Amino acid sequence: VQTRLALGYKTQSAFAGQLGIGSPQY
């Protein structure tokens, strides 16, 4: 969580999308 927010991704969905995986998986 800390890492995602520090990278500027407010949502899990946006971060997961950048990884190419689904939000539920992440």
Full PDB file with SEQRES, HELIX, SHEET, SSBOND, CRYST1, ORIGX, SCALE, CONECT and MASTER records, all heavy atoms in Angstrom:
SEQRES   1 A   26  VAL GLN THR ARG LEU ALA LEU GLY TYR LYS THR GLN SER          
SEQRES   2 A   26  ALA PHE ALA GLY GLN LEU GLY ILE GLY SER PRO GLN TYR          
HELIX    1 AA1 GLN A    2  ALA A    6  1                                   5    
HELIX    2 AA2 GLN A   12  LEU A   19  1                                   8    
CRYST1    1.000    1.000    1.000  90.00  90.00  90.00 P 1           1          
ORIGX1      1.000000  0.000000  0.000000        0.00000                         
ORIGX2      0.000000  1.000000  0.000000        0.00000                         
ORIGX3      0.000000  0.000000  1.000000        0.00000                         
SCALE1      1.000000  0.000000  0.000000        0.00000                         
SCALE2      0.000000  1.000000  0.000000        0.00000                         
SCALE3      0.000000  0.000000  1.000000        0.00000                         
ATOM      1  N   VAL A   1       0.843  -1.197   0.000  1.00  0.00           N  
ATOM      2  CA  VAL A   1       0.000   0.000   0.000  1.00  0.00           C  
ATOM      3  C   VAL A   1       0.879   1.249   0.000  1.00  0.00           C  
ATOM      4  O   VAL A   1       0.674   2.173  -0.802  1.00  0.00           O  
ATOM      5  CB  VAL A   1      -0.958   0.017   1.211  1.00  0.00           C  
ATOM      6  CG1 VAL A   1      -1.695   1.345   1.302  1.00  0.00           C  
ATOM      7  CG2 VAL A   1      -1.938  -1.144   1.140  1.00  0.00           C  
ATOM      8  N   GLN A   2       1.868   1.282   0.888  1.00  0.00           N  
ATOM      9  CA  GLN A   2       2.774   2.434   0.962  1.00  0.00           C  
ATOM     10  C   GLN A   2       3.463   2.663  -0.379  1.00  0.00           C  
ATOM     11  O   GLN A   2       3.593   3.803  -0.836  1.00  0.00           O  
ATOM     12  CB  GLN A   2       3.856   2.200   2.021  1.00  0.00           C  
ATOM     13  CG  GLN A   2       3.380   2.201   3.431  1.00  0.00           C  
ATOM     14  CD  GLN A   2       4.501   1.798   4.394  1.00  0.00           C  
ATOM     15  OE1 GLN A   2       5.446   1.106   4.018  1.00  0.00           O  
ATOM     16  NE2 GLN A   2       4.391   2.232   5.632  1.00  0.00           N  
ATOM     17  N   THR A   3       3.909   1.586  -0.998  1.00  0.00           N  
ATOM     18  CA  THR A   3       4.634   1.691  -2.267  1.00  0.00           C  
ATOM     19  C   THR A   3       3.725   2.202  -3.369  1.00  0.00           C  
ATOM     20  O   THR A   3       4.103   3.112  -4.120  1.00  0.00           O  
ATOM     21  CB  THR A   3       5.236   0.327  -2.644  1.00  0.00           C  
ATOM     22  OG1 THR A   3       6.099  -0.113  -1.595  1.00  0.00           O  
ATOM     23  CG2 THR A   3       6.015   0.408  -3.944  1.00  0.00           C  
ATOM     24  N   ARG A   4       2.527   1.633  -3.473  1.00  0.00           N  
ATOM     25  CA  ARG A   4       1.581   2.079  -4.508  1.00  0.00           C  
ATOM     26  C   ARG A   4       1.285   3.563  -4.365  1.00  0.00           C  
ATOM     27  O   ARG A   4       1.325   4.321  -5.343  1.00  0.00           O  
ATOM     28  CB  ARG A   4       0.278   1.271  -4.414  1.00  0.00           C  
ATOM     29  CG  ARG A   4      -0.807   1.791  -5.346  1.00  0.00           C  
ATOM     30  CD  ARG A   4      -2.066   0.958  -5.298  1.00  0.00           C  
ATOM     31  NE  ARG A   4      -2.644   0.772  -3.991  1.00  0.00           N  
ATOM     32  CZ  ARG A   4      -3.410   1.654  -3.337  1.00  0.00           C  
ATOM     33  NH1 ARG A   4      -3.666   2.849  -3.871  1.00  0.00           N  
ATOM     34  NH2 ARG A   4      -3.916   1.358  -2.151  1.00  0.00           N  
ATOM     35  N   LEU A   5       1.013   4.004  -3.150  1.00  0.00           N  
ATOM     36  CA  LEU A   5       0.700   5.419  -2.927  1.00  0.00           C  
ATOM     37  C   LEU A   5       1.909   6.310  -3.208  1.00  0.00           C  
ATOM     38  O   LEU A   5       1.771   7.386  -3.799  1.00  0.00           O  
ATOM     39  CB  LEU A   5       0.194   5.617  -1.499  1.00  0.00           C  
ATOM     40  CG  LEU A   5      -1.162   4.966  -1.195  1.00  0.00           C  
ATOM     41  CD1 LEU A   5      -1.476   5.068   0.288  1.00  0.00           C  
ATOM     42  CD2 LEU A   5      -2.268   5.556  -2.050  1.00  0.00           C  
ATOM     43  N   ALA A   6       3.097   5.869  -2.818  1.00  0.00           N  
ATOM     44  CA  ALA A   6       4.316   6.644  -3.076  1.00  0.00           C  
ATOM     45  C   ALA A   6       4.588   6.769  -4.573  1.00  0.00           C  
ATOM     46  O   ALA A   6       5.158   7.761  -5.026  1.00  0.00           O  
ATOM     47  CB  ALA A   6       5.503   6.011  -2.363  1.00  0.00           C  
ATOM     48  N   LEU A   7       4.162   5.767  -5.335  1.00  0.00           N  
ATOM     49  CA  LEU A   7       4.334   5.810  -6.788  1.00  0.00           C  
ATOM     50  C   LEU A   7       3.267   6.679  -7.461  1.00  0.00           C  
ATOM     51  O   LEU A   7       3.328   6.914  -8.666  1.00  0.00           O  
ATOM     52  CB  LEU A   7       4.292   4.395  -7.372  1.00  0.00           C  
ATOM     53  CG  LEU A   7       5.513   3.523  -7.070  1.00  0.00           C  
ATOM     54  CD1 LEU A   7       5.244   2.074  -7.475  1.00  0.00           C  
ATOM     55  CD2 LEU A   7       6.749   4.056  -7.775  1.00  0.00           C  
ATOM     56  N   GLY A   8       2.282   7.144  -6.678  1.00  0.00           N  
ATOM     57  CA  GLY A   8       1.272   8.050  -7.218  1.00  0.00           C  
ATOM     58  C   GLY A   8      -0.009   7.384  -7.685  1.00  0.00           C  
ATOM     59  O   GLY A   8      -0.822   8.031  -8.349  1.00  0.00           O  
ATOM     60  N   TYR A   9      -0.215   6.139  -7.339  1.00  0.00           N  
ATOM     61  CA  TYR A   9      -1.441   5.431  -7.723  1.00  0.00           C  
ATOM     62  C   TYR A   9      -2.400   5.445  -6.542  1.00  0.00           C  
ATOM     63  O   TYR A   9      -2.153   4.806  -5.527  1.00  0.00           O  
ATOM     64  CB  TYR A   9      -1.135   3.994  -8.156  1.00  0.00           C  
ATOM     65  CG  TYR A   9      -0.376   3.945  -9.450  1.00  0.00           C  
ATOM     66  CD1 TYR A   9       1.011   3.968  -9.454  1.00  0.00           C  
ATOM     67  CD2 TYR A   9      -1.049   3.907 -10.664  1.00  0.00           C  
ATOM     68  CE1 TYR A   9       1.722   3.950 -10.648  1.00  0.00           C  
ATOM     69  CE2 TYR A   9      -0.350   3.883 -11.858  1.00  0.00           C  
ATOM     70  CZ  TYR A   9       1.038   3.914 -11.843  1.00  0.00           C  
ATOM     71  OH  TYR A   9       1.725   3.894 -13.026  1.00  0.00           O  
ATOM     72  N   LYS A  10      -3.497   6.168  -6.686  1.00  0.00           N  
ATOM     73  CA  LYS A  10      -4.453   6.297  -5.592  1.00  0.00           C  
ATOM     74  C   LYS A  10      -5.316   5.053  -5.425  1.00  0.00           C  
ATOM     75  O   LYS A  10      -5.807   4.787  -4.341  1.00  0.00           O  
ATOM     76  CB  LYS A  10      -5.330   7.520  -5.797  1.00  0.00           C  
ATOM     77  CG  LYS A  10      -4.554   8.814  -5.699  1.00  0.00           C  
ATOM     78  CD  LYS A  10      -5.444  10.004  -5.883  1.00  0.00           C  
ATOM     79  CE  LYS A  10      -4.610  11.269  -5.790  1.00  0.00           C  
ATOM     80  NZ  LYS A  10      -5.395  12.475  -5.937  1.00  0.00           N  
ATOM     81  N   THR A  11      -5.503   4.311  -6.508  1.00  0.00           N  
ATOM     82  CA  THR A  11      -6.361   3.130  -6.428  1.00  0.00           C  
ATOM     83  C   THR A  11      -5.601   1.851  -6.767  1.00  0.00           C  
ATOM     84  O   THR A  11      -4.655   1.871  -7.566  1.00  0.00           O  
ATOM     85  CB  THR A  11      -7.564   3.239  -7.384  1.00  0.00           C  
ATOM     86  OG1 THR A  11      -7.080   3.213  -8.738  1.00  0.00           O  
ATOM     87  CG2 THR A  11      -8.363   4.513  -7.136  1.00  0.00           C  
ATOM     88  N   GLN A  12      -6.061   0.784  -6.171  1.00  0.00           N  
ATOM     89  CA  GLN A  12      -5.499  -0.527  -6.491  1.00  0.00           C  
ATOM     90  C   GLN A  12      -5.758  -0.864  -7.951  1.00  0.00           C  
ATOM     91  O   GLN A  12      -4.917  -1.454  -8.620  1.00  0.00           O  
ATOM     92  CB  GLN A  12      -6.124  -1.610  -5.613  1.00  0.00           C  
ATOM     93  CG  GLN A  12      -5.761  -1.546  -4.178  1.00  0.00           C  
ATOM     94  CD  GLN A  12      -6.473  -2.613  -3.363  1.00  0.00           C  
ATOM     95  OE1 GLN A  12      -7.263  -3.391  -3.881  1.00  0.00           O  
ATOM     96  NE2 GLN A  12      -6.190  -2.640  -2.078  1.00  0.00           N  
ATOM     97  N   SER A  13      -6.916  -0.470  -8.439  1.00  0.00           N  
ATOM     98  CA  SER A  13      -7.307  -0.767  -9.813  1.00  0.00           C  
ATOM     99  C   SER A  13      -6.333  -0.150 -10.818  1.00  0.00           C  
ATOM    100  O   SER A  13      -5.917  -0.805 -11.777  1.00  0.00           O  
ATOM    101  CB  SER A  13      -8.723  -0.258 -10.061  1.00  0.00           C  
ATOM    102  OG  SER A  13      -9.123  -0.524 -11.373  1.00  0.00           O  
ATOM    103  N   ALA A  14      -5.975   1.104 -10.604  1.00  0.00           N  
ATOM    104  CA  ALA A  14      -5.040   1.777 -11.510  1.00  0.00           C  
ATOM    105  C   ALA A  14      -3.666   1.111 -11.467  1.00  0.00           C  
ATOM    106  O   ALA A  14      -3.026   0.924 -12.505  1.00  0.00           O  
ATOM    107  CB  ALA A  14      -4.923   3.256 -11.148  1.00  0.00           C  
ATOM    108  N   PHE A  15      -3.225   0.758 -10.277  1.00  0.00           N  
ATOM    109  CA  PHE A  15      -1.917   0.112 -10.121  1.00  0.00           C  
ATOM    110  C   PHE A  15      -1.924  -1.265 -10.774  1.00  0.00           C  
ATOM    111  O   PHE A  15      -1.011  -1.602 -11.537  1.00  0.00           O  
ATOM    112  CB  PHE A  15      -1.568   0.006  -8.638  1.00  0.00           C  
ATOM    113  CG  PHE A  15      -0.163  -0.443  -8.379  1.00  0.00           C  
ATOM    114  CD1 PHE A  15       0.908   0.378  -8.658  1.00  0.00           C  
ATOM    115  CD2 PHE A  15       0.088  -1.683  -7.828  1.00  0.00           C  
ATOM    116  CE1 PHE A  15       2.218  -0.033  -8.422  1.00  0.00           C  
ATOM    117  CE2 PHE A  15       1.385  -2.110  -7.575  1.00  0.00           C  
ATOM    118  CZ  PHE A  15       2.450  -1.277  -7.869  1.00  0.00           C  
ATOM    119  N   ALA A  16      -2.965  -2.037 -10.502  1.00  0.00           N  
ATOM    120  CA  ALA A  16      -3.074  -3.374 -11.094  1.00  0.00           C  
ATOM    121  C   ALA A  16      -3.106  -3.288 -12.619  1.00  0.00           C  
ATOM    122  O   ALA A  16      -2.490  -4.101 -13.307  1.00  0.00           O  
ATOM    123  CB  ALA A  16      -4.318  -4.081 -10.570  1.00  0.00           C  
ATOM    124  N   GLY A  17      -3.815  -2.275 -13.130  1.00  0.00           N  
ATOM    125  CA  GLY A  17      -3.875  -2.077 -14.577  1.00  0.00           C  
ATOM    126  C   GLY A  17      -2.499  -1.843 -15.180  1.00  0.00           C  
ATOM    127  O   GLY A  17      -2.194  -2.346 -16.264  1.00  0.00           O  
ATOM    128  N   GLN A  18      -1.659  -1.083 -14.486  1.00  0.00           N  
ATOM    129  CA  GLN A  18      -0.300  -0.850 -14.966  1.00  0.00           C  
ATOM    130  C   GLN A  18       0.522  -2.138 -14.985  1.00  0.00           C  
ATOM    131  O   GLN A  18       1.441  -2.277 -15.777  1.00  0.00           O  
ATOM    132  CB  GLN A  18       0.404   0.195 -14.105  1.00  0.00           C  
ATOM    133  CG  GLN A  18      -0.072   1.598 -14.344  1.00  0.00           C  
ATOM    134  CD  GLN A  18       0.211   2.038 -15.770  1.00  0.00           C  
ATOM    135  OE1 GLN A  18       1.329   1.941 -16.273  1.00  0.00           O  
ATOM    136  NE2 GLN A  18      -0.823   2.509 -16.446  1.00  0.00           N  
ATOM    137  N   LEU A  19       0.177  -3.048 -14.087  1.00  0.00           N  
ATOM    138  CA  LEU A  19       0.877  -4.334 -14.038  1.00  0.00           C  
ATOM    139  C   LEU A  19       0.326  -5.324 -15.054  1.00  0.00           C  
ATOM    140  O   LEU A  19       0.947  -6.358 -15.310  1.00  0.00           O  
ATOM    141  CB  LEU A  19       0.772  -4.940 -12.634  1.00  0.00           C  
ATOM    142  CG  LEU A  19       1.425  -4.159 -11.513  1.00  0.00           C  
ATOM    143  CD1 LEU A  19       1.102  -4.799 -10.174  1.00  0.00           C  
ATOM    144  CD2 LEU A  19       2.931  -4.058 -11.722  1.00  0.00           C  
ATOM    145  N   GLY A  20      -0.837  -5.015 -15.597  1.00  0.00           N  
ATOM    146  CA  GLY A  20      -1.466  -5.920 -16.558  1.00  0.00           C  
ATOM    147  C   GLY A  20      -2.210  -7.067 -15.892  1.00  0.00           C  
ATOM    148  O   GLY A  20      -2.386  -8.122 -16.503  1.00  0.00           O  
ATOM    149  N   ILE A  21      -2.638  -6.848 -14.663  1.00  0.00           N  
ATOM    150  CA  ILE A  21      -3.419  -7.868 -13.951  1.00  0.00           C  
ATOM    151  C   ILE A  21      -4.727  -7.240 -13.480  1.00  0.00           C  
ATOM    152  O   ILE A  21      -4.870  -6.017 -13.458  1.00  0.00           O  
ATOM    153  CB  ILE A  21      -2.648  -8.465 -12.755  1.00  0.00           C  
ATOM    154  CG1 ILE A  21      -2.335  -7.403 -11.695  1.00  0.00           C  
ATOM    155  CG2 ILE A  21      -1.376  -9.160 -13.225  1.00  0.00           C  
ATOM    156  CD1 ILE A  21      -1.719  -7.950 -10.422  1.00  0.00           C  
ATOM    157  N   GLY A  22      -5.662  -8.075 -13.085  1.00  0.00           N  
ATOM    158  CA  GLY A  22      -6.940  -7.585 -12.606  1.00  0.00           C  
ATOM    159  C   GLY A  22      -6.857  -7.053 -11.185  1.00  0.00           C  
ATOM    160  O   GLY A  22      -6.033  -7.506 -10.385  1.00  0.00           O  
ATOM    161  N   SER A  23      -7.727  -6.112 -10.901  1.00  0.00           N  
ATOM    162  CA  SER A  23      -7.776  -5.541  -9.564  1.00  0.00           C  
ATOM    163  C   SER A  23      -8.069  -6.592  -8.480  1.00  0.00           C  
ATOM    164  O   SER A  23      -7.438  -6.571  -7.421  1.00  0.00           O  
ATOM    165  CB  SER A  23      -8.820  -4.426  -9.530  1.00  0.00           C  
ATOM    166  OG  SER A  23      -8.861  -3.834  -8.264  1.00  0.00           O  
ATOM    167  N   PRO A  24      -9.002  -7.529  -8.713  1.00  0.00           N  
ATOM    168  CA  PRO A  24      -9.249  -8.548  -7.688  1.00  0.00           C  
ATOM    169  C   PRO A  24      -8.012  -9.402  -7.398  1.00  0.00           C  
ATOM    170  O   PRO A  24      -7.756  -9.761  -6.246  1.00  0.00           O  
ATOM    171  CB  PRO A  24     -10.367  -9.403  -8.272  1.00  0.00           C  
ATOM    172  CG  PRO A  24     -11.060  -8.514  -9.252  1.00  0.00           C  
ATOM    173  CD  PRO A  24      -9.964  -7.640  -9.819  1.00  0.00           C  
ATOM    174  N   GLN A  25      -7.239  -9.701  -8.437  1.00  0.00           N  
ATOM    175  CA  GLN A  25      -6.016 -10.486  -8.249  1.00  0.00           C  
ATOM    176  C   GLN A  25      -5.025  -9.734  -7.364  1.00  0.00           C  
ATOM    177  O   GLN A  25      -4.394 -10.318  -6.489  1.00  0.00           O  
ATOM    178  CB  GLN A  25      -5.367 -10.820  -9.594  1.00  0.00           C  
ATOM    179  CG  GLN A  25      -4.099 -11.642  -9.462  1.00  0.00           C  
ATOM    180  CD  GLN A  25      -3.387 -11.874 -10.786  1.00  0.00           C  
ATOM    181  OE1 GLN A  25      -3.864 -11.488 -11.846  1.00  0.00           O  
ATOM    182  NE2 GLN A  25      -2.229 -12.496 -10.721  1.00  0.00           N  
ATOM    183  N   TYR A  26      -4.910  -8.426  -7.575  1.00  0.00           N  
ATOM    184  CA  TYR A  26      -3.955  -7.636  -6.803  1.00  0.00           C  
ATOM    185  C   TYR A  26      -4.462  -7.315  -5.396  1.00  0.00           C  
ATOM    186  O   TYR A  26      -3.697  -7.306  -4.434  1.00  0.00           O  
ATOM    187  CB  TYR A  26      -3.612  -6.334  -7.544  1.00  0.00           C  
ATOM    188  CG  TYR A  26      -2.637  -5.493  -6.776  1.00  0.00           C  
ATOM    189  CD1 TYR A  26      -1.291  -5.840  -6.739  1.00  0.00           C  
ATOM    190  CD2 TYR A  26      -3.063  -4.404  -6.036  1.00  0.00           C  
ATOM    191  CE1 TYR A  26      -0.387  -5.106  -5.991  1.00  0.00           C  
ATOM    192  CE2 TYR A  26      -2.163  -3.661  -5.293  1.00  0.00           C  
ATOM    193  CZ  TYR A  26      -0.836  -4.015  -5.268  1.00  0.00           C  
ATOM    194  OH  TYR A  26       0.054  -3.293  -4.522  1.00  0.00           O  
TER     195      TYR A  26                                                      
MASTER        0    0    0    2    0    0    0    6  194    1    0    2          
END                                                                             
